[in-house]
């Protein structure tokens, strides 16, 4: 027939109670199901919340994370929302490109248009 419970325990590194529980479930259903593993903390934002976030991002794509949390009353912090956007929605928060404020001055714009890189001299 088959192996003894003690042999199964040694072979699969499980307790006797686990083997007996599988036998019991097999007698009831005539099939063996793999146990479902629920590990880790459950997500604070469910599928409906993700849909609301996605819809709001499509409507207003320059919204900040804090504004998104406030408008949708999300139960997460800014870093948690950022991780959710990256992992579940495959999206990311786009930062403004930083550049020197001097580029906005008229004399710098004029020099750039004329092809001059820098009109300052080192002393």
Protein backbone atom coordinates (compact mmCIF):
# COMPACT_ATOMS: atom_id res chain seq x y z
CA UNK A 1 0.00 0.00 0.00
CA UNK A 2 1.68 3.18 1.09
CA UNK A 3 4.18 4.46 3.57
CA UNK A 4 3.59 4.79 7.28
CA UNK A 5 2.85 8.18 8.82
CA UNK A 6 6.22 8.23 10.58
CA UNK A 7 8.04 7.65 7.27
CA UNK A 8 6.03 10.38 5.55
CA UNK A 9 6.90 12.82 8.34
CA UNK A 10 10.61 12.13 7.93
CA UNK A 11 10.43 12.23 4.14
CA UNK A 12 8.56 15.56 3.86
CA UNK A 13 9.67 17.20 7.13
CA UNK A 14 6.13 17.67 8.46
CA UNK A 15 4.39 16.89 11.74
CA UNK A 16 2.14 13.89 12.26
CA UNK A 17 -0.86 16.16 12.74
CA UNK A 18 -0.35 17.61 9.25
CA UNK A 19 -0.33 14.15 7.68
CA UNK A 20 -3.46 13.09 9.57
CA UNK A 21 -5.19 16.32 8.52
CA UNK A 22 -4.42 15.61 4.86
CA UNK A 23 -5.75 12.06 5.26
CA UNK A 24 -8.94 13.46 6.80
CA UNK A 25 -9.46 15.97 3.98
CA UNK A 26 -8.83 13.25 1.40
CA UNK A 27 -11.45 11.00 3.00
CA UNK A 28 -13.99 13.87 2.82
CA UNK A 29 -13.31 15.21 -0.69
CA UNK A 30 -11.44 12.36 -2.42
CA UNK A 31 -8.79 14.87 -3.54
CA UNK A 32 -5.74 16.52 -2.05
CA UNK A 33 -5.48 20.29 -2.24
CA UNK A 34 -2.31 22.21 -1.68
CA UNK A 35 -2.72 24.37 1.43
CA UNK A 36 -3.02 28.08 0.74
CA UNK A 37 -0.25 30.13 2.27
CA UNK A 38 -1.24 33.52 3.61
CA UNK A 39 2.02 35.15 4.57
CA UNK A 40 2.79 38.75 5.28
CA UNK A 41 0.64 41.69 6.21
CA UNK A 42 -2.57 42.17 4.20
CA UNK A 43 -2.60 45.17 1.88
CA UNK A 44 -4.29 48.33 3.15
CA UNK A 45 -5.40 49.29 -0.37
CA UNK A 46 -7.70 46.77 -2.02
CA UNK A 47 -8.55 46.34 -5.71
CA UNK A 48 -11.28 48.99 -5.58
CA UNK A 49 -8.84 51.45 -4.03
CA UNK A 50 -6.29 50.74 -6.75
CA UNK A 51 -8.95 51.41 -9.37
CA UNK A 52 -9.77 54.78 -7.76
CA UNK A 53 -6.08 55.69 -7.65
CA UNK A 54 -5.57 54.75 -11.30
CA UNK A 55 -8.64 56.76 -12.35
CA UNK A 56 -7.51 59.83 -10.39
CA UNK A 57 -4.00 59.64 -11.84
CA UNK A 58 -5.45 59.57 -15.35
CA UNK A 59 -7.64 62.61 -14.59
CA UNK A 60 -4.86 64.64 -12.98
CA UNK A 61 -1.40 63.25 -13.68
CA UNK A 62 0.52 66.00 -11.86
CA UNK A 63 -1.14 65.36 -8.49
CA UNK A 64 1.21 64.96 -5.53
CA UNK A 65 1.18 61.87 -3.38
CA UNK A 66 -0.08 63.82 -0.36
CA UNK A 67 -2.95 65.30 -2.39
CA UNK A 68 -3.83 61.81 -3.60
CA UNK A 69 -3.92 60.50 -0.03
CA UNK A 70 -6.07 63.44 1.12
CA UNK A 71 -8.55 63.34 -1.79
CA UNK A 72 -9.15 59.58 -1.68
CA UNK A 73 -8.81 59.22 2.11
CA UNK A 74 -6.23 56.47 1.74
CA UNK A 75 -5.05 54.72 4.93
CA UNK A 76 -1.35 54.82 3.96
CA UNK A 77 1.62 57.13 4.31
CA UNK A 78 3.39 58.78 1.39
CA UNK A 79 6.13 56.14 1.15
CA UNK A 80 3.53 53.34 1.29
CA UNK A 81 1.56 54.92 -1.56
CA UNK A 82 4.75 55.35 -3.56
CA UNK A 83 5.59 51.65 -3.14
CA UNK A 84 2.04 50.71 -4.12
CA UNK A 85 2.22 52.84 -7.27
CA UNK A 86 5.50 51.24 -8.30
CA UNK A 87 4.64 47.64 -7.51
CA UNK A 88 0.91 47.26 -8.19
CA UNK A 89 0.20 49.94 -10.80
CA UNK A 90 3.60 49.85 -12.51
CA UNK A 91 3.78 53.63 -12.24
CA UNK A 92 6.25 56.01 -10.68
CA UNK A 93 6.30 59.49 -9.26
CA UNK A 94 7.91 61.85 -11.75
CA UNK A 95 10.05 64.50 -10.18
CA UNK A 96 10.65 67.92 -11.66
CA UNK A 97 13.98 68.14 -13.42
CA UNK A 98 16.34 70.36 -11.49
CA UNK A 99 18.39 72.96 -13.27
CA UNK A 100 20.14 76.20 -12.28
CA UNK A 101 17.78 79.17 -11.88
CA UNK A 102 20.25 81.30 -13.78
CA UNK A 103 19.00 79.69 -16.98
CA UNK A 104 15.82 81.74 -16.65
CA UNK A 105 17.70 85.08 -16.73
CA UNK A 106 17.49 87.03 -19.97
CA UNK A 107 21.26 87.59 -20.31
CA UNK A 108 21.91 83.83 -20.03
CA UNK A 109 19.17 83.04 -22.57
CA UNK A 110 20.69 85.61 -24.93
CA UNK A 111 24.19 84.09 -24.57
CA UNK A 112 22.87 80.59 -25.18
CA UNK A 113 21.09 81.75 -28.34
CA UNK A 114 24.32 83.38 -29.55
CA UNK A 115 26.28 80.20 -28.90
CA UNK A 116 28.31 81.46 -25.95
CA UNK A 117 28.72 78.87 -23.21
CA UNK A 118 29.92 81.15 -20.45
CA UNK A 119 30.80 84.80 -20.41
CA UNK A 120 32.37 84.71 -16.97
CA UNK A 121 36.15 84.70 -16.51
CA UNK A 122 38.09 83.15 -13.68
CA UNK A 123 40.30 85.56 -11.77
